[in-house]
């Protein structure tokens, strides 16, 4: 029998095999239509009713001197610029891991070479009159950092050894190592007090709380079978849609669920029926959940699924190695959404965990 670390590595490489049942919440079946743009060109439209979107696959265009190396996360700043992080390759030290695009998908700038080989989580946060980029990286990087929007480092930090969960030297030794005593951070969630939560989604499975200066405060979670314990807590968000209340939402990925908790980590409830949920974003009363099992889910303020977009779950989970063969990707369908975010107009940007990388824009029509 494989040990836990070997099993985890295998699931990372070959996770598209179905892990347990992925129940579907009844929603209106999505349709694929075509809409003409101002030039008369016919574009793909997915969704129904109030949740209809025009599809632009491969929307973000890299200059020829760069290549995507498995796109991971996306974030939008107040000016509408899109930030994309890819995992990158550790041996390509001169290649940036973070790219910025304007509202037309044109390249603006790039930076973040230090995250190559481990680029993962990415969020833009407004603090007073300034905006900052929060980045976390796993694999051999094992770090999280606060940057300006042009890439200058404000601070960079490593495993919180005060938490008592990590192997000696985990904060100083830059070697890729998996396990519950390893530090492999995946995503952030921001608190009203200026602090933030950091999900160690591939490492200890703990959620760490930090103050506004990036000092470790406390932890909750850890490995387990649910109800406040996790199996790959990959994504995290603060849901404030209900009268401004702050509730933590964790994408408990390998359990195919979303867990709701208090800010102190006390268990509230579990939402099931997802397929490897990867991260979360909100816009107005809607919550967006990209699922690595080939679709996006949208929830209303009562936590009901009101739309599922680009659903290709049966085919992608049933066929081998779709992510490595773009000739088998279907227009209007997703392969492995790893992250997605709204902009201020409710448009959606999707980053997929596929070999060549792919950024899709869904332009809101309703």
Protein backbone atom coordinates (compact mmCIF):
# COMPACT_ATOMS: atom_id res chain seq x y z
CA UNK A 1 0.00 0.00 0.00
CA UNK A 2 1.28 3.47 -0.85
CA UNK A 3 2.18 5.71 2.06
CA UNK A 4 0.37 9.02 2.55
CA UNK A 5 3.01 11.16 0.83
CA UNK A 6 3.26 8.90 -2.25
CA UNK A 7 -0.52 8.78 -2.48
CA UNK A 8 -0.72 12.57 -2.34
CA UNK A 9 1.84 12.96 -5.11
CA UNK A 10 -0.04 10.50 -7.26
CA UNK A 11 -3.36 12.26 -6.72
CA UNK A 12 -1.76 15.55 -7.75
CA UNK A 13 -0.59 14.03 -11.03
CA UNK A 14 -3.60 11.91 -11.80
CA UNK A 15 -6.48 13.46 -9.90
CA UNK A 16 -8.94 13.49 -12.79
CA UNK A 17 -9.96 9.98 -11.89
CA UNK A 18 -13.19 10.35 -9.99
CA UNK A 19 -12.63 10.43 -6.21
CA UNK A 20 -15.93 9.45 -4.69
CA UNK A 21 -19.33 10.48 -5.92
CA UNK A 22 -19.79 14.06 -7.05
CA UNK A 23 -23.48 14.71 -6.56
CA UNK A 24 -25.19 17.32 -8.69
CA UNK A 25 -27.41 19.95 -7.17
CA UNK A 26 -30.43 20.39 -9.46
CA UNK A 27 -30.10 23.56 -11.54
CA UNK A 28 -31.28 24.64 -14.94
CA UNK A 29 -29.29 22.76 -17.55
CA UNK A 30 -26.80 25.08 -19.29
CA UNK A 31 -27.17 25.80 -22.97
CA UNK A 32 -24.62 26.86 -25.55
CA UNK A 33 -25.72 29.60 -27.92
CA UNK A 34 -23.98 32.02 -30.26
CA UNK A 35 -24.11 35.81 -30.15
CA UNK A 36 -22.83 38.23 -32.77
CA UNK A 37 -20.40 40.94 -31.70
CA UNK A 38 -20.17 44.41 -33.28
CA UNK A 39 -18.23 43.03 -36.23
CA UNK A 40 -20.88 40.43 -36.90
CA UNK A 41 -18.64 37.62 -35.70
CA UNK A 42 -20.46 34.85 -33.91
CA UNK A 43 -19.26 34.18 -30.35
CA UNK A 44 -20.12 31.36 -28.00
CA UNK A 45 -22.60 31.97 -25.17
CA UNK A 46 -23.09 29.63 -22.21
CA UNK A 47 -25.56 29.63 -19.35
CA UNK A 48 -29.24 30.44 -19.07
CA UNK A 49 -31.53 33.17 -17.73
CA UNK A 50 -29.71 35.71 -15.57
CA UNK A 51 -26.48 33.74 -15.86
CA UNK A 52 -25.50 34.00 -19.52
CA UNK A 53 -21.89 34.64 -20.53
CA UNK A 54 -20.04 35.17 -23.79
CA UNK A 55 -16.98 32.90 -23.93
CA UNK A 56 -13.45 33.97 -24.91
CA UNK A 57 -11.00 31.09 -24.46
CA UNK A 58 -7.26 31.93 -24.52
CA UNK A 59 -8.21 35.54 -23.80
CA UNK A 60 -4.92 36.62 -22.19
CA UNK A 61 -2.18 36.70 -24.81
CA UNK A 62 1.48 36.28 -23.81
CA UNK A 63 4.33 37.77 -25.85
CA UNK A 64 6.20 35.13 -27.84
CA UNK A 65 9.21 35.27 -25.48
CA UNK A 66 7.07 33.79 -22.66
CA UNK A 67 5.08 30.57 -22.30
CA UNK A 68 2.38 29.42 -19.90
CA UNK A 69 3.56 26.70 -17.56
CA UNK A 70 0.28 25.49 -15.98
CA UNK A 71 -1.87 28.52 -15.10
CA UNK A 72 -3.03 28.58 -11.49
CA UNK A 73 -4.73 31.74 -10.15
CA UNK A 74 -6.20 35.07 -11.25
CA UNK A 75 -7.07 38.40 -9.60
CA UNK A 76 -8.37 41.79 -10.78
CA UNK A 77 -7.28 45.19 -9.43
CA UNK A 78 -9.39 48.34 -9.03
CA UNK A 79 -8.39 49.58 -12.49
CA UNK A 80 -9.54 46.36 -14.14
CA UNK A 81 -6.09 44.88 -14.81
CA UNK A 82 -5.93 41.09 -14.62
CA UNK A 83 -3.07 39.37 -12.74
CA UNK A 84 -2.26 35.75 -13.56
CA UNK A 85 0.15 33.42 -11.78
CA UNK A 86 1.37 30.15 -13.24
CA UNK A 87 3.30 27.43 -11.48
CA UNK A 88 6.32 27.88 -13.69
CA UNK A 89 9.42 25.71 -13.82
CA UNK A 90 12.13 25.91 -11.18
CA UNK A 91 14.93 25.68 -13.74
CA UNK A 92 13.61 28.66 -15.75
CA UNK A 93 14.87 31.23 -13.28
CA UNK A 94 14.73 34.13 -15.76
CA UNK A 95 11.09 33.53 -16.62
CA UNK A 96 8.43 35.50 -14.67
CA UNK A 97 5.65 33.70 -12.84
CA UNK A 98 3.17 36.62 -12.70
CA UNK A 99 1.69 38.38 -15.74
CA UNK A 100 -0.56 41.43 -16.01
CA UNK A 101 -3.09 42.12 -18.79
CA UNK A 102 -5.34 45.04 -19.67
CA UNK A 103 -9.09 44.85 -20.23
CA UNK A 104 -8.55 43.72 -23.81
CA UNK A 105 -6.32 40.82 -22.79
CA UNK A 106 -3.13 42.55 -23.93
CA UNK A 107 0.11 42.04 -22.03
CA UNK A 108 1.13 44.92 -19.73
CA UNK A 109 4.02 43.66 -17.56
CA UNK A 110 5.41 40.65 -15.73
CA UNK A 111 7.53 39.84 -12.67
CA UNK A 112 7.85 37.29 -9.87
CA UNK A 113 10.75 35.13 -11.07
CA UNK A 114 11.33 34.09 -7.45
CA UNK A 115 8.10 32.04 -7.48
CA UNK A 116 9.00 29.95 -10.52
CA UNK A 117 8.33 26.28 -9.90
CA UNK A 118 5.84 26.93 -7.12
CA UNK A 119 3.57 29.82 -8.15
CA UNK A 120 0.07 29.24 -6.82
CA UNK A 121 -2.16 31.66 -4.85
CA UNK A 122 -2.78 35.25 -5.95
CA UNK A 123 -5.05 38.01 -4.59
CA UNK A 124 -5.24 41.81 -4.93
CA UNK A 125 -6.08 43.71 -1.74
CA UNK A 126 -6.87 47.40 -1.24
CA UNK A 127 -5.36 48.84 1.93
CA UNK A 128 -6.25 52.49 2.43
CA UNK A 129 -5.46 54.26 -0.82
CA UNK A 130 -3.04 51.58 -2.03
CA UNK A 131 -3.38 48.16 -3.60
CA UNK A 132 -1.12 45.19 -2.99
CA UNK A 133 -0.62 41.74 -4.43
CA UNK A 134 -0.55 38.76 -2.06
CA UNK A 135 1.19 35.68 -3.45
CA UNK A 136 1.78 32.20 -2.09
CA UNK A 137 3.96 29.48 -3.56
CA UNK A 138 4.38 25.79 -2.78
CA UNK A 139 6.78 23.08 -4.07
CA UNK A 140 10.39 24.15 -3.44
CA UNK A 141 9.48 27.82 -2.82
CA UNK A 142 7.39 27.34 0.37
CA UNK A 143 6.68 31.04 0.82
CA UNK A 144 4.04 33.75 0.86
CA UNK A 145 4.63 37.40 0.12
CA UNK A 146 3.14 40.87 -0.14
CA UNK A 147 4.11 42.81 -3.28
CA UNK A 148 3.28 46.09 -4.94
CA UNK A 149 1.29 45.78 -8.15
CA UNK A 150 4.52 46.17 -10.10
CA UNK A 151 6.32 43.41 -8.24
CA UNK A 152 8.37 45.13 -5.51
CA UNK A 153 8.52 42.94 -2.39
CA UNK A 154 7.06 44.45 0.80
CA UNK A 155 7.75 41.28 2.79
CA UNK A 156 8.23 37.57 2.17
CA UNK A 157 7.62 34.93 4.83
CA UNK A 158 7.97 31.18 5.29
CA UNK A 159 6.60 28.37 7.47
CA UNK A 160 5.18 29.63 10.81
CA UNK A 161 7.34 27.56 13.14
CA UNK A 162 5.53 28.96 16.22
CA UNK A 163 2.50 26.94 15.13
CA UNK A 164 4.26 23.76 16.23
CA UNK A 165 3.20 21.67 13.23
CA UNK A 166 6.26 21.79 10.96
CA UNK A 167 9.44 19.78 10.69
CA UNK A 168 12.59 21.49 11.96
CA UNK A 169 14.10 23.69 9.26
CA UNK A 170 10.90 23.91 7.23
CA UNK A 171 11.18 27.71 7.28
CA UNK A 172 14.73 27.73 5.91
CA UNK A 173 15.23 24.67 3.69
CA UNK A 174 13.97 25.29 0.15
CA UNK A 175 13.40 21.69 -0.89
CA UNK A 176 10.14 20.27 -2.26
CA UNK A 177 8.73 17.87 0.31
CA UNK A 178 5.17 16.67 0.87
CA UNK A 179 3.58 15.71 4.17
CA UNK A 180 1.54 16.98 7.10
CA UNK A 181 4.68 18.55 8.60
CA UNK A 182 5.52 20.37 5.34
CA UNK A 183 4.57 23.95 4.41
CA UNK A 184 2.79 24.15 1.05
CA UNK A 185 0.51 27.25 1.13
CA UNK A 186 -2.21 27.60 -1.49
CA UNK A 187 -4.55 30.61 -0.97
CA UNK A 188 -5.48 33.68 1.11
CA UNK A 189 -8.62 35.17 2.66
CA UNK A 190 -8.70 38.74 3.98
CA UNK A 191 -10.14 39.87 7.33
CA UNK A 192 -11.77 43.19 8.20
CA UNK A 193 -9.17 43.88 10.90
CA UNK A 194 -6.41 44.05 8.27
CA UNK A 195 -5.17 40.54 8.92
CA UNK A 196 -5.59 37.49 6.75
CA UNK A 197 -5.97 33.73 6.72
CA UNK A 198 -3.56 31.47 4.84
CA UNK A 199 -4.55 27.95 3.80
CA UNK A 200 -1.74 25.39 3.93
CA UNK A 201 -3.67 23.34 1.43
CA UNK A 202 -0.97 20.93 0.29
CA UNK A 203 1.05 20.80 3.50
CA UNK A 204 -0.21 20.62 7.09
CA UNK A 205 -3.91 21.14 6.14
CA UNK A 206 -4.09 23.90 8.80
CA UNK A 207 -5.52 27.38 8.30
CA UNK A 208 -3.16 30.00 9.73
CA UNK A 209 -4.26 33.42 10.95
CA UNK A 210 -1.93 36.44 10.60
CA UNK A 211 -2.20 40.07 11.70
CA UNK A 212 -1.99 43.05 9.34
CA UNK A 213 1.81 43.03 9.46
CA UNK A 214 2.09 39.37 8.51
CA UNK A 215 2.80 38.07 12.01
CA UNK A 216 1.45 34.61 12.85
CA UNK A 217 -1.41 34.67 15.40
CA UNK A 218 -3.10 31.25 15.55
CA UNK A 219 -4.26 28.22 13.58
CA UNK A 220 -7.27 25.94 13.20
CA UNK A 221 -8.23 22.90 11.19
CA UNK A 222 -5.68 20.24 10.37
CA UNK A 223 -6.18 16.84 8.71
CA UNK A 224 -9.39 14.93 9.31
CA UNK A 225 -12.73 13.78 7.94
CA UNK A 226 -14.68 17.04 7.99
CA UNK A 227 -16.54 19.30 10.45
CA UNK A 228 -13.58 21.60 10.95
CA UNK A 229 -10.94 19.12 9.75
CA UNK A 230 -9.80 18.88 6.16
CA UNK A 231 -8.37 16.83 3.32
CA UNK A 232 -6.62 19.38 1.09
CA UNK A 233 -8.08 22.76 2.20
CA UNK A 234 -7.05 24.27 -1.13
CA UNK A 235 -9.17 27.43 -1.34
CA UNK A 236 -10.42 29.88 1.27
CA UNK A 237 -12.65 32.96 1.37
CA UNK A 238 -14.48 35.24 3.82
CA UNK A 239 -18.19 35.27 2.98
CA UNK A 240 -19.69 38.62 4.05
CA UNK A 241 -22.82 38.49 1.91
CA UNK A 242 -25.13 37.90 4.91
CA UNK A 243 -25.56 41.27 6.64
CA UNK A 244 -21.82 41.83 6.78
CA UNK A 245 -21.12 38.76 8.89
CA UNK A 246 -17.67 37.27 8.44
CA UNK A 247 -17.77 33.51 7.90
CA UNK A 248 -14.84 31.46 6.66
CA UNK A 249 -15.47 29.22 3.65
CA UNK A 250 -12.92 26.50 2.95
CA UNK A 251 -12.76 24.47 -0.25
CA UNK A 252 -12.15 21.04 1.33
CA UNK A 253 -11.07 19.79 -2.05
CA UNK A 254 -10.49 16.05 -1.64
CA UNK A 255 -13.78 15.78 0.29
CA UNK A 256 -15.59 17.57 -2.59
CA UNK A 257 -17.20 20.02 -0.14
CA UNK A 258 -17.29 23.60 1.07
CA UNK A 259 -17.00 23.98 4.82
CA UNK A 260 -18.34 27.04 6.65
CA UNK A 261 -16.65 28.04 9.92
CA UNK A 262 -16.38 30.99 12.28
CA UNK A 263 -13.28 33.19 12.23
CA UNK A 264 -11.97 31.07 15.11
CA UNK A 265 -12.43 27.86 13.15
CA UNK A 266 -15.58 26.61 14.85
CA UNK A 267 -17.56 24.40 12.48
CA UNK A 268 -20.90 25.70 11.14
CA UNK A 269 -21.98 23.59 8.15
CA UNK A 270 -20.90 21.67 5.06
CA UNK A 271 -22.09 22.18 1.48
CA UNK A 272 -21.70 19.05 -0.64
CA UNK A 273 -22.12 18.22 -4.32
CA UNK A 274 -18.89 19.64 -5.76
CA UNK A 275 -16.07 18.08 -7.75
CA UNK A 276 -12.70 19.05 -6.30
CA UNK A 277 -13.66 22.68 -5.47
CA UNK A 278 -10.52 24.79 -5.79
CA UNK A 279 -11.20 28.38 -4.67
CA UNK A 280 -13.89 31.03 -4.15
CA UNK A 281 -14.77 34.60 -5.10
CA UNK A 282 -17.86 36.76 -4.53
CA UNK A 283 -19.54 39.62 -6.40
CA UNK A 284 -22.63 41.32 -5.02
CA UNK A 285 -24.86 38.44 -3.85
CA UNK A 286 -23.15 35.72 -5.89
CA UNK A 287 -20.45 33.24 -4.96
CA UNK A 288 -18.23 31.64 -7.60
CA UNK A 289 -16.68 28.20 -7.13
CA UNK A 290 -14.27 26.83 -9.78
CA UNK A 291 -14.19 23.04 -9.67
CA UNK A 292 -11.26 21.05 -11.01
CA UNK A 293 -13.83 18.54 -12.18
CA UNK A 294 -14.58 20.62 -15.26
CA UNK A 295 -17.10 23.33 -14.37
CA UNK A 296 -17.86 26.57 -12.51
CA UNK A 297 -20.65 26.77 -9.94
CA UNK A 298 -22.45 29.98 -8.97
CA UNK A 299 -24.33 30.21 -5.65
CA UNK A 300 -26.86 32.81 -4.53
CA UNK A 301 -27.02 34.48 -1.12
CA UNK A 302 -28.89 31.51 0.34
CA UNK A 303 -26.07 29.19 -0.76
CA UNK A 304 -28.19 27.60 -3.51
CA UNK A 305 -26.48 26.67 -6.78
CA UNK A 306 -28.15 28.81 -9.44
CA UNK A 307 -25.85 28.06 -12.39
CA UNK A 308 -23.19 25.63 -13.52
CA UNK A 309 -21.08 26.79 -16.44
CA UNK A 310 -18.92 24.90 -18.92
CA UNK A 311 -19.83 21.51 -17.42
CA UNK A 312 -17.81 18.69 -18.98
CA UNK A 313 -17.49 16.57 -15.84
CA UNK A 314 -18.44 13.17 -17.22
CA UNK A 315 -16.05 13.32 -20.16
CA UNK A 316 -13.07 14.86 -18.36
CA UNK A 317 -13.27 12.53 -15.37
CA UNK A 318 -13.89 9.53 -17.60
CA UNK A 319 -11.13 10.05 -20.16
CA UNK A 320 -7.41 10.04 -19.45
CA UNK A 321 -5.02 12.94 -19.89
CA UNK A 322 -7.40 15.51 -21.38
CA UNK A 323 -5.40 18.31 -19.73
CA UNK A 324 -2.36 17.53 -21.90
CA UNK A 325 -4.16 17.49 -25.27
CA UNK A 326 -5.73 20.80 -26.29
CA UNK A 327 -7.17 19.13 -29.40
CA UNK A 328 -9.64 17.39 -27.08
CA UNK A 329 -10.82 20.59 -25.40
CA UNK A 330 -14.35 21.60 -26.38
CA UNK A 331 -15.37 25.22 -26.96
CA UNK A 332 -17.67 26.43 -24.20
CA UNK A 333 -16.53 23.64 -21.87
CA UNK A 334 -13.90 23.64 -19.14
CA UNK A 335 -11.21 21.08 -18.43
CA UNK A 336 -9.81 21.88 -14.96
CA UNK A 337 -10.76 25.31 -13.53
CA UNK A 338 -8.22 25.96 -10.77
CA UNK A 339 -9.28 29.52 -9.95
CA UNK A 340 -11.82 32.08 -11.12
CA UNK A 341 -12.69 35.64 -10.16
CA UNK A 342 -15.22 38.36 -10.91
CA UNK A 343 -14.41 41.87 -12.05
CA UNK A 344 -16.47 44.90 -10.98
CA UNK A 345 -18.95 44.33 -13.83
CA UNK A 346 -19.58 40.68 -12.97
CA UNK A 347 -17.49 39.29 -15.81
CA UNK A 348 -15.58 36.14 -14.90
CA UNK A 349 -11.93 35.19 -15.52
CA UNK A 350 -10.94 31.53 -15.31
CA UNK A 351 -7.47 29.97 -14.94
CA UNK A 352 -7.24 26.27 -15.74
CA UNK A 353 -4.78 23.66 -14.51
CA UNK A 354 -3.83 22.41 -17.97
CA UNK A 355 -0.44 21.66 -19.47
CA UNK A 356 -0.27 24.66 -21.81
CA UNK A 357 -2.16 27.01 -19.51
CA UNK A 358 -5.42 28.72 -20.43
CA UNK A 359 -7.18 31.93 -19.35
CA UNK A 360 -10.81 32.28 -20.34
CA UNK A 361 -12.96 35.40 -20.05
CA UNK A 362 -16.71 35.03 -19.58
CA UNK A 363 -18.40 38.33 -20.44
CA UNK A 364 -21.65 38.77 -18.52
CA UNK A 365 -24.64 39.33 -20.82
CA UNK A 366 -27.57 39.40 -18.40
